[in-house]
Amino acid sequence: MSGPASLNRALEGSVLVVAHPDDEILWFGSIAADVDKIVICFLNDPLKPELAGIREKTLRAHPWSDKITCLELDETSAFNHAGWPRPETTEFGLRIVKAPQIEEVYRLCYDKLQELLTPIVRNATNVFTHNPWGEYGHEEHVLVHSVATKLAVADQKSVWYSNYASTWSEDLMRLYLDKSERQIFTGKVDTAALEKIADIYRANGAWTWFDDYTWFADEFFVRGPLTQTGGPGFGWLFPINLLRLPDRELPAHGHRKPLLYRAIKRLTGR
């Protein structure tokens, strides 16, 4: 393991690129207040068109609204379509195996994200984004990760990943285990501040996670890119915040309340 990176240096010229509204506080809560710019990729859900207005209202009330940019893309409906717990990684993110039409939308979204994120990454020094297994295992998180990483590497920018995983995404995470030395740094989570922002999401009906979720006290960020080992690896990755999720598949229309929230809560007994 290499020595810890300087937090101040990693935050210089920093942009945080996340998939959905509320991802910025769920997986990057320790650094989101300090980055220069937050980019949220998705706004509308074609299967739930009222969500766009709800999210717009929430982002206007967000305490960091002055540095948030929303790309206003439509979600791809790819959640839970990649064959978890052992999905196949592709150039575009994950292979969508359950619906060919969604696979096409997913690939087209990759191209659109690349177009929109290119000037943003070009003007950054450090790029923070989702990890290669999509935190708890979300196809659109991995999609955003793939685009942001490709652009950061091409422009010789530093790219940093969050440290969240779940019992659902653990198999994919293990493919990145090896003995490489990597830069990491630790961020301290201000739970009270994040709860206030979560309350804004909840009040507007835009919160997608557990209502009683308790944040970890610390988050760790690793400098990318990360490379798969070709099989379940052994060795060191970086400290992981592991979330316990059901082992069986969740309903297809995920990452939104109430479907994801209710399904996980019911199956975990929380």
C-alpha atoms as a PDB file:
ATOM      1  CA  MET A   1       0.000   0.000   0.000  1.00  0.00           C
ATOM      2  CA  SER A   2       1.322   3.411  -0.824  1.00  0.00           C
ATOM      3  CA  GLY A   3       1.248   6.259   1.637  1.00  0.00           C
ATOM      4  CA  PRO A   4      -1.935   8.291   2.131  1.00  0.00           C
ATOM      5  CA  ALA A   5      -2.576  10.975  -0.421  1.00  0.00           C
ATOM      6  CA  SER A   6      -2.944  14.607   0.562  1.00  0.00           C
ATOM      7  CA  LEU A   7      -6.637  15.442   0.923  1.00  0.00           C
ATOM      8  CA  ASN A   8      -6.030  19.093   0.052  1.00  0.00           C
ATOM      9  CA  ARG A   9      -4.146  18.164  -3.105  1.00  0.00           C
ATOM     10  CA  ALA A  10      -6.858  15.682  -4.157  1.00  0.00           C
ATOM     11  CA  LEU A  11      -9.488  18.399  -3.784  1.00  0.00           C
ATOM     12  CA  GLU A  12      -7.649  20.912  -5.978  1.00  0.00           C
ATOM     13  CA  GLY A  13      -9.634  21.588  -9.144  1.00  0.00           C
ATOM     14  CA  SER A  14     -12.023  18.825  -8.122  1.00  0.00           C
ATOM     15  CA  VAL A  15     -15.231  17.690  -9.784  1.00  0.00           C
ATOM     16  CA  LEU A  16     -17.551  15.032  -8.371  1.00  0.00           C
ATOM     17  CA  VAL A  17     -19.454  13.097 -11.043  1.00  0.00           C
ATOM     18  CA  VAL A  18     -22.392  11.019  -9.794  1.00  0.00           C
ATOM     19  CA  ALA A  19     -25.276   9.238 -11.447  1.00  0.00           C
ATOM     20  CA  HIS A  20     -28.369  10.335  -9.508  1.00  0.00           C
ATOM     21  CA  PRO A  21     -29.515  13.031  -7.093  1.00  0.00           C
ATOM     22  CA  ASP A  22     -28.635  11.923  -3.532  1.00  0.00           C
ATOM     23  CA  ASP A  23     -25.610   9.868  -4.677  1.00  0.00           C
ATOM     24  CA  GLU A  24     -23.461  12.871  -3.768  1.00  0.00           C
ATOM     25  CA  ILE A  25     -24.280  12.488  -0.061  1.00  0.00           C
ATOM     26  CA  LEU A  26     -24.700   8.714   0.104  1.00  0.00           C
ATOM     27  CA  TRP A  27     -21.300   7.733  -1.296  1.00  0.00           C
ATOM     28  CA  PHE A  28     -19.246  10.960  -1.200  1.00  0.00           C
ATOM     29  CA  GLY A  29     -20.585  12.736   1.881  1.00  0.00           C
ATOM     30  CA  SER A  30     -17.172  13.381   3.395  1.00  0.00           C
ATOM     31  CA  ILE A  31     -15.867  15.349   0.403  1.00  0.00           C
ATOM     32  CA  ALA A  32     -18.927  16.653  -1.476  1.00  0.00           C
ATOM     33  CA  ALA A  33     -19.046  19.921   0.476  1.00  0.00           C
ATOM     34  CA  ASP A  34     -15.415  20.609  -0.437  1.00  0.00           C
ATOM     35  CA  VAL A  35     -15.246  19.740  -4.132  1.00  0.00           C
ATOM     36  CA  ASP A  36     -15.386  22.624  -6.599  1.00  0.00           C
ATOM     37  CA  LYS A  37     -18.186  21.208  -8.736  1.00  0.00           C
ATOM     38  CA  ILE A  38     -20.804  18.452  -8.486  1.00  0.00           C
ATOM     39  CA  VAL A  39     -22.186  16.944 -11.699  1.00  0.00           C
ATOM     40  CA  ILE A  40     -25.348  14.827 -11.495  1.00  0.00           C
ATOM     41  CA  CYS A  41     -25.953  12.869 -14.687  1.00  0.00           C
ATOM     42  CA  PHE A  42     -29.564  11.627 -14.529  1.00  0.00           C
ATOM     43  CA  LEU A  43     -32.746  13.534 -13.770  1.00  0.00           C
ATOM     44  CA  ASN A  44     -35.773  11.997 -15.465  1.00  0.00           C
ATOM     45  CA  ASP A  45     -37.067   8.449 -15.264  1.00  0.00           C
ATOM     46  CA  PRO A  46     -39.153   7.645 -18.367  1.00  0.00           C
ATOM     47  CA  LEU A  47     -41.147   5.132 -16.301  1.00  0.00           C
ATOM     48  CA  LYS A  48     -41.867   7.722 -13.612  1.00  0.00           C
ATOM     49  CA  PRO A  49     -42.008  11.119 -15.396  1.00  0.00           C
ATOM     50  CA  GLU A  50     -43.081  13.042 -12.294  1.00  0.00           C
ATOM     51  CA  LEU A  51     -39.663  12.327 -10.758  1.00  0.00           C
ATOM     52  CA  ALA A  52     -37.914  14.965 -12.893  1.00  0.00           C
ATOM     53  CA  GLY A  53     -39.899  17.829 -11.387  1.00  0.00           C
ATOM     54  CA  ILE A  54     -39.458  16.440  -7.890  1.00  0.00           C
ATOM     55  CA  ARG A  55     -35.714  16.216  -8.358  1.00  0.00           C
ATOM     56  CA  GLU A  56     -35.472  19.692  -9.909  1.00  0.00           C
ATOM     57  CA  LYS A  57     -37.281  21.155  -6.902  1.00  0.00           C
ATOM     58  CA  THR A  58     -34.990  19.267  -4.535  1.00  0.00           C
ATOM     59  CA  LEU A  59     -31.808  20.400  -6.279  1.00  0.00           C
ATOM     60  CA  ARG A  60     -32.973  24.039  -6.170  1.00  0.00           C
ATOM     61  CA  ALA A  61     -33.328  23.701  -2.382  1.00  0.00           C
ATOM     62  CA  HIS A  62     -29.994  21.897  -2.038  1.00  0.00           C
ATOM     63  CA  PRO A  63     -27.455  23.823   0.092  1.00  0.00           C
ATOM     64  CA  TRP A  64     -24.832  23.156  -2.580  1.00  0.00           C
ATOM     65  CA  SER A  65     -27.078  24.216  -5.476  1.00  0.00           C
ATOM     66  CA  ASP A  66     -24.626  26.906  -6.597  1.00  0.00           C
ATOM     67  CA  LYS A  67     -22.047  24.276  -7.568  1.00  0.00           C
ATOM     68  CA  ILE A  68     -24.369  21.496  -8.763  1.00  0.00           C
ATOM     69  CA  THR A  69     -24.828  20.931 -12.490  1.00  0.00           C
ATOM     70  CA  CYS A  70     -27.407  18.400 -13.657  1.00  0.00           C
ATOM     71  CA  LEU A  71     -26.948  16.955 -17.144  1.00  0.00           C
ATOM     72  CA  GLU A  72     -30.675  16.086 -17.140  1.00  0.00           C
ATOM     73  CA  LEU A  73     -30.294  12.756 -18.916  1.00  0.00           C
ATOM     74  CA  ASP A  74     -33.017  10.123 -18.822  1.00  0.00           C
ATOM     75  CA  GLU A  75     -32.315   7.046 -16.737  1.00  0.00           C
ATOM     76  CA  THR A  76     -31.747   3.877 -18.748  1.00  0.00           C
ATOM     77  CA  SER A  77     -33.907   1.426 -16.731  1.00  0.00           C
ATOM     78  CA  ALA A  78     -30.820  -0.807 -16.545  1.00  0.00           C
ATOM     79  CA  PHE A  79     -30.960  -1.381 -12.785  1.00  0.00           C
ATOM     80  CA  ASN A  80     -30.907  -5.116 -11.917  1.00  0.00           C
ATOM     81  CA  HIS A  81     -30.499  -6.094 -15.588  1.00  0.00           C
ATOM     82  CA  ALA A  82     -26.798  -7.021 -15.547  1.00  0.00           C
ATOM     83  CA  GLY A  83     -26.888 -10.516 -14.062  1.00  0.00           C
ATOM     84  CA  TRP A  84     -25.868  -9.863 -10.479  1.00  0.00           C
ATOM     85  CA  PRO A  85     -24.061 -11.071  -8.459  1.00  0.00           C
ATOM     86  CA  ARG A  86     -21.587 -11.877 -11.280  1.00  0.00           C
ATOM     87  CA  PRO A  87     -22.131  -9.335 -14.043  1.00  0.00           C
ATOM     88  CA  GLU A  88     -19.847  -9.031 -17.052  1.00  0.00           C
ATOM     89  CA  THR A  89     -17.864  -5.810 -17.361  1.00  0.00           C
ATOM     90  CA  THR A  90     -17.775  -4.142 -20.775  1.00  0.00           C
ATOM     91  CA  GLU A  91     -16.347  -0.964 -22.279  1.00  0.00           C
ATOM     92  CA  PHE A  92     -19.674   0.721 -21.550  1.00  0.00           C
ATOM     93  CA  GLY A  93     -20.054  -0.422 -17.958  1.00  0.00           C
ATOM     94  CA  LEU A  94     -21.848  -3.747 -17.471  1.00  0.00           C
ATOM     95  CA  ARG A  95     -23.413  -6.098 -19.985  1.00  0.00           C
ATOM     96  CA  ILE A  96     -27.191  -5.798 -19.811  1.00  0.00           C
ATOM     97  CA  VAL A  97     -28.344  -9.386 -20.194  1.00  0.00           C
ATOM     98  CA  LYS A  98     -32.055  -9.282 -19.394  1.00  0.00           C
ATOM     99  CA  ALA A  99     -33.378  -6.863 -22.025  1.00  0.00           C
ATOM    100  CA  PRO A 100     -31.682  -6.160 -25.403  1.00  0.00           C
ATOM    101  CA  GLN A 101     -33.558  -2.892 -25.834  1.00  0.00           C
ATOM    102  CA  ILE A 102     -32.196  -1.614 -22.516  1.00  0.00           C
ATOM    103  CA  GLU A 103     -28.685  -2.675 -23.560  1.00  0.00           C
ATOM    104  CA  GLU A 104     -29.004  -0.369 -26.572  1.00  0.00           C
ATOM    105  CA  VAL A 105     -30.242   2.548 -24.458  1.00  0.00           C
ATOM    106  CA  TYR A 106     -27.380   1.939 -22.018  1.00  0.00           C
ATOM    107  CA  ARG A 107     -24.775   2.063 -24.791  1.00  0.00           C
ATOM    108  CA  LEU A 108     -26.264   5.187 -26.354  1.00  0.00           C
ATOM    109  CA  CYS A 109     -26.233   6.822 -22.920  1.00  0.00           C
ATOM    110  CA  TYR A 110     -22.513   6.072 -22.659  1.00  0.00           C
ATOM    111  CA  ASP A 111     -21.925   8.067 -25.850  1.00  0.00           C
ATOM    112  CA  LYS A 112     -24.070  10.978 -24.648  1.00  0.00           C
ATOM    113  CA  LEU A 113     -22.342  11.043 -21.263  1.00  0.00           C
ATOM    114  CA  GLN A 114     -18.964  11.059 -22.960  1.00  0.00           C
ATOM    115  CA  GLU A 115     -19.998  14.058 -25.051  1.00  0.00           C
ATOM    116  CA  LEU A 116     -21.334  16.031 -22.076  1.00  0.00           C
ATOM    117  CA  LEU A 117     -18.591  15.157 -19.596  1.00  0.00           C
ATOM    118  CA  THR A 118     -15.623  15.744 -21.915  1.00  0.00           C
ATOM    119  CA  PRO A 119     -15.342  19.541 -21.355  1.00  0.00           C
ATOM    120  CA  ILE A 120     -16.073  19.153 -17.631  1.00  0.00           C
ATOM    121  CA  VAL A 121     -13.294  16.613 -17.072  1.00  0.00           C
ATOM    122  CA  ARG A 122     -10.931  18.588 -19.298  1.00  0.00           C
ATOM    123  CA  ASN A 123     -11.264  21.593 -16.975  1.00  0.00           C
ATOM    124  CA  ALA A 124     -10.750  19.562 -13.782  1.00  0.00           C
ATOM    125  CA  THR A 125      -7.610  18.394 -12.025  1.00  0.00           C
ATOM    126  CA  ASN A 126      -9.153  15.686  -9.836  1.00  0.00           C
ATOM    127  CA  VAL A 127     -12.236  13.653 -10.746  1.00  0.00           C
ATOM    128  CA  PHE A 128     -14.253  11.814  -8.087  1.00  0.00           C
ATOM    129  CA  THR A 129     -16.775   9.244  -9.236  1.00  0.00           C
ATOM    130  CA  HIS A 130     -18.395   5.861  -8.587  1.00  0.00           C
ATOM    131  CA  ASN A 131     -16.271   2.747  -8.193  1.00  0.00           C
ATOM    132  CA  PRO A 132     -16.202  -0.052 -10.823  1.00  0.00           C
ATOM    133  CA  TRP A 133     -18.785  -2.188  -8.991  1.00  0.00           C
ATOM    134  CA  GLY A 134     -21.276   0.662  -8.584  1.00  0.00           C
ATOM    135  CA  GLU A 135     -21.180   0.856  -4.784  1.00  0.00           C
ATOM    136  CA  TYR A 136     -24.053  -1.465  -3.803  1.00  0.00           C
ATOM    137  CA  GLY A 137     -24.372  -2.639  -7.415  1.00  0.00           C
ATOM    138  CA  HIS A 138     -26.084  -0.201  -9.770  1.00  0.00           C
ATOM    139  CA  GLU A 139     -25.586  -0.423 -13.524  1.00  0.00           C
ATOM    140  CA  GLU A 140     -25.851   3.338 -14.017  1.00  0.00           C
ATOM    141  CA  HIS A 141     -23.208   3.957 -11.356  1.00  0.00           C
ATOM    142  CA  VAL A 142     -20.856   1.672 -13.298  1.00  0.00           C
ATOM    143  CA  LEU A 143     -21.806   3.420 -16.544  1.00  0.00           C
ATOM    144  CA  VAL A 144     -20.868   6.814 -15.089  1.00  0.00           C
ATOM    145  CA  HIS A 145     -17.692   5.310 -13.616  1.00  0.00           C
ATOM    146  CA  SER A 146     -16.665   3.978 -17.032  1.00  0.00           C
ATOM    147  CA  VAL A 147     -17.142   7.279 -18.840  1.00  0.00           C
ATOM    148  CA  ALA A 148     -15.550   9.444 -16.156  1.00  0.00           C
ATOM    149  CA  THR A 149     -12.559   7.113 -15.848  1.00  0.00           C
ATOM    150  CA  LYS A 150     -11.981   6.940 -19.605  1.00  0.00           C
ATOM    151  CA  LEU A 151     -12.034  10.735 -19.905  1.00  0.00           C
ATOM    152  CA  ALA A 152      -9.844  11.288 -16.831  1.00  0.00           C
ATOM    153  CA  VAL A 153      -7.198   8.830 -17.997  1.00  0.00           C
ATOM    154  CA  ALA A 154      -7.219  10.261 -21.543  1.00  0.00           C
ATOM    155  CA  ASP A 155      -6.684  13.777 -20.196  1.00  0.00           C
ATOM    156  CA  GLN A 156      -4.154  12.631 -17.567  1.00  0.00           C
ATOM    157  CA  LYS A 157      -6.364  13.738 -14.691  1.00  0.00           C
ATOM    158  CA  SER A 158      -6.389  12.047 -11.305  1.00  0.00           C
ATOM    159  CA  VAL A 159      -9.478   9.895 -10.783  1.00  0.00           C
ATOM    160  CA  TRP A 160     -10.698   8.806  -7.349  1.00  0.00           C
ATOM    161  CA  TYR A 161     -13.282   6.191  -6.358  1.00  0.00           C
ATOM    162  CA  SER A 162     -15.572   5.762  -3.373  1.00  0.00           C
ATOM    163  CA  ASN A 163     -15.136   2.832  -0.984  1.00  0.00           C
ATOM    164  CA  TYR A 164     -18.690   1.495  -0.705  1.00  0.00           C
ATOM    165  CA  ALA A 165     -19.695  -2.043  -1.672  1.00  0.00           C
ATOM    166  CA  SER A 166     -22.451  -4.434  -0.683  1.00  0.00           C
ATOM    167  CA  THR A 167     -23.022  -8.126  -0.279  1.00  0.00           C
ATOM    168  CA  TRP A 168     -24.717  -7.838  -3.679  1.00  0.00           C
ATOM    169  CA  SER A 169     -21.722  -6.271  -5.494  1.00  0.00           C
ATOM    170  CA  GLU A 170     -18.994  -8.036  -3.527  1.00  0.00           C
ATOM    171  CA  ASP A 171     -18.222 -10.645  -6.191  1.00  0.00           C
ATOM    172  CA  LEU A 172     -17.527  -7.960  -8.772  1.00  0.00           C
ATOM    173  CA  MET A 173     -15.457  -5.969  -6.286  1.00  0.00           C
ATOM    174  CA  ARG A 174     -13.264  -9.017  -5.611  1.00  0.00           C
ATOM    175  CA  LEU A 175     -12.191  -9.086  -9.260  1.00  0.00           C
ATOM    176  CA  TYR A 176     -10.166  -5.941  -8.511  1.00  0.00           C
ATOM    177  CA  LEU A 177      -8.215  -7.424  -5.586  1.00  0.00           C
ATOM    178  CA  ASP A 178      -4.481  -7.630  -6.179  1.00  0.00           C
ATOM    179  CA  LYS A 179      -1.206  -6.564  -4.586  1.00  0.00           C
ATOM    180  CA  SER A 180      -0.886  -3.195  -6.308  1.00  0.00           C
ATOM    181  CA  GLU A 181       0.157  -0.127  -4.362  1.00  0.00           C
ATOM    182  CA  ARG A 182      -2.443   2.628  -4.499  1.00  0.00           C
ATOM    183  CA  GLN A 183      -2.871   6.097  -3.107  1.00  0.00           C
ATOM    184  CA  ILE A 184      -5.750   6.471  -0.662  1.00  0.00           C
ATOM    185  CA  PHE A 185      -7.069   9.118   1.668  1.00  0.00           C
ATOM    186  CA  THR A 186      -9.652   9.189   4.432  1.00  0.00           C
ATOM    187  CA  GLY A 187     -12.605  11.562   4.674  1.00  0.00           C
ATOM    188  CA  LYS A 188     -14.532  12.254   7.878  1.00  0.00           C
ATOM    189  CA  VAL A 189     -18.318  12.229   7.558  1.00  0.00           C
ATOM    190  CA  ASP A 190     -20.373  15.044   9.107  1.00  0.00           C
ATOM    191  CA  THR A 191     -23.521  13.014   9.722  1.00  0.00           C
ATOM    192  CA  ALA A 192     -25.579  15.925  11.039  1.00  0.00           C
ATOM    193  CA  ALA A 193     -24.916  17.990   7.904  1.00  0.00           C
ATOM    194  CA  LEU A 194     -25.776  15.094   5.600  1.00  0.00           C
ATOM    195  CA  GLU A 195     -28.980  14.339   7.511  1.00  0.00           C
ATOM    196  CA  LYS A 196     -30.164  17.899   6.879  1.00  0.00           C
ATOM    197  CA  ILE A 197     -29.655  17.429   3.153  1.00  0.00           C
ATOM    198  CA  ALA A 198     -31.278  13.998   3.249  1.00  0.00           C
ATOM    199  CA  ASP A 199     -34.282  15.611   4.935  1.00  0.00           C
ATOM    200  CA  ILE A 200     -34.657  17.928   1.932  1.00  0.00           C
ATOM    201  CA  TYR A 201     -34.704  14.895  -0.350  1.00  0.00           C
ATOM    202  CA  ARG A 202     -37.191  13.122   1.924  1.00  0.00           C
ATOM    203  CA  ALA A 203     -39.485  16.137   2.201  1.00  0.00           C
ATOM    204  CA  ASN A 204     -39.737  16.329  -1.594  1.00  0.00           C
ATOM    205  CA  GLY A 205     -40.143  12.585  -2.123  1.00  0.00           C
ATOM    206  CA  ALA A 206     -36.799  12.319  -3.923  1.00  0.00           C
ATOM    207  CA  TRP A 207     -34.893  10.179  -1.406  1.00  0.00           C
ATOM    208  CA  THR A 208     -33.925   6.749  -2.827  1.00  0.00           C
ATOM    209  CA  TRP A 209     -32.307   4.976   0.102  1.00  0.00           C
ATOM    210  CA  PHE A 210     -33.227   3.778   3.612  1.00  0.00           C
ATOM    211  CA  ASP A 211     -35.061   6.416   5.631  1.00  0.00           C
ATOM    212  CA  ASP A 212     -33.158   5.261   8.721  1.00  0.00           C
ATOM    213  CA  TYR A 213     -29.780   4.906   7.022  1.00  0.00           C
ATOM    214  CA  THR A 214     -26.817   5.556   9.320  1.00  0.00           C
ATOM    215  CA  TRP A 215     -23.694   6.961   7.691  1.00  0.00           C
ATOM    216  CA  PHE A 216     -20.276   5.477   8.290  1.00  0.00           C
ATOM    217  CA  ALA A 217     -17.974   7.766  10.281  1.00  0.00           C
ATOM    218  CA  ASP A 218     -15.195   7.488   7.698  1.00  0.00           C
ATOM    219  CA  GLU A 219     -14.960   7.138   3.939  1.00  0.00           C
ATOM    220  CA  PHE A 220     -11.886   6.102   1.977  1.00  0.00           C
ATOM    221  CA  PHE A 221     -11.018   7.099  -1.553  1.00  0.00           C
ATOM    222  CA  VAL A 222      -8.612   5.255  -3.819  1.00  0.00           C
ATOM    223  CA  ARG A 223      -6.822   6.655  -6.815  1.00  0.00           C
ATOM    224  CA  GLY A 224      -7.754   4.884 -10.029  1.00  0.00           C
ATOM    225  CA  PRO A 225      -7.949   3.415 -12.444  1.00  0.00           C
ATOM    226  CA  LEU A 226      -8.470  -0.069 -11.017  1.00  0.00           C
ATOM    227  CA  THR A 227      -7.893  -3.140 -13.171  1.00  0.00           C
ATOM    228  CA  GLN A 228      -9.556  -6.528 -12.966  1.00  0.00           C
ATOM    229  CA  THR A 229      -7.257  -9.449 -12.179  1.00  0.00           C
ATOM    230  CA  GLY A 230      -9.015 -11.922 -14.489  1.00  0.00           C
ATOM    231  CA  GLY A 231     -10.566 -13.875 -11.634  1.00  0.00           C
ATOM    232  CA  PRO A 232     -11.483 -13.528  -7.946  1.00  0.00           C
ATOM    233  CA  GLY A 233      -8.374 -11.868  -6.607  1.00  0.00           C
ATOM    234  CA  PHE A 234      -6.488 -12.046  -3.351  1.00  0.00           C
ATOM    235  CA  GLY A 235      -4.606  -9.203  -1.761  1.00  0.00           C
ATOM    236  CA  TRP A 236      -5.249  -5.600  -0.822  1.00  0.00           C
ATOM    237  CA  LEU A 237      -7.749  -3.232  -2.377  1.00  0.00           C
ATOM    238  CA  PHE A 238      -8.477  -0.432   0.120  1.00  0.00           C
ATOM    239  CA  PRO A 239     -10.710  -0.122   3.199  1.00  0.00           C
ATOM    240  CA  ILE A 240     -14.297  -0.932   2.231  1.00  0.00           C
ATOM    241  CA  ASN A 241     -17.571   0.230   3.793  1.00  0.00           C
ATOM    242  CA  LEU A 242     -19.652  -2.918   3.240  1.00  0.00           C
ATOM    243  CA  LEU A 243     -23.448  -2.653   3.133  1.00  0.00           C
ATOM    244  CA  ARG A 244     -25.560  -5.709   3.852  1.00  0.00           C
ATOM    245  CA  LEU A 245     -28.161  -6.221   1.116  1.00  0.00           C
ATOM    246  CA  PRO A 246     -30.352  -9.181   0.175  1.00  0.00           C
ATOM    247  CA  ASP A 247     -28.670 -11.947  -1.797  1.00  0.00           C
ATOM    248  CA  ARG A 248     -31.568 -12.365  -4.182  1.00  0.00           C
ATOM    249  CA  GLU A 249     -32.372  -9.967  -7.007  1.00  0.00           C
ATOM    250  CA  LEU A 250     -34.365  -6.817  -6.423  1.00  0.00           C
ATOM    251  CA  PRO A 251     -37.236  -5.540  -8.589  1.00  0.00           C
ATOM    252  CA  ALA A 252     -36.129  -4.264 -11.985  1.00  0.00           C
ATOM    253  CA  HIS A 253     -37.126  -0.623 -11.472  1.00  0.00           C
ATOM    254  CA  GLY A 254     -34.584   0.199  -8.852  1.00  0.00           C
ATOM    255  CA  HIS A 255     -32.762   3.165  -7.365  1.00  0.00           C
ATOM    256  CA  ARG A 256     -35.830   5.083  -6.386  1.00  0.00           C
ATOM    257  CA  LYS A 257     -38.268   5.222  -3.549  1.00  0.00           C
ATOM    258  CA  PRO A 258     -40.434   3.349  -2.931  1.00  0.00           C
ATOM    259  CA  LEU A 259     -39.440   0.286  -4.986  1.00  0.00           C
ATOM    260  CA  LEU A 260     -35.775  -0.111  -4.025  1.00  0.00           C
ATOM    261  CA  TYR A 261     -36.320   1.138  -0.507  1.00  0.00           C
ATOM    262  CA  ARG A 262     -39.274  -1.139   0.218  1.00  0.00           C
ATOM    263  CA  ALA A 263     -37.716  -4.196  -1.398  1.00  0.00           C
ATOM    264  CA  ILE A 264     -34.466  -3.936   0.549  1.00  0.00           C
ATOM    265  CA  LYS A 265     -36.193  -3.059   3.791  1.00  0.00           C
ATOM    266  CA  ARG A 266     -38.598  -6.003   3.474  1.00  0.00           C
ATOM    267  CA  LEU A 267     -35.914  -8.546   2.603  1.00  0.00           C
ATOM    268  CA  THR A 268     -33.457  -7.405   5.252  1.00  0.00           C
ATOM    269  CA  GLY A 269     -36.054  -7.008   7.992  1.00  0.00           C
ATOM    270  CA  ARG A 270     -34.844  -3.490   8.756  1.00  0.00           C
END
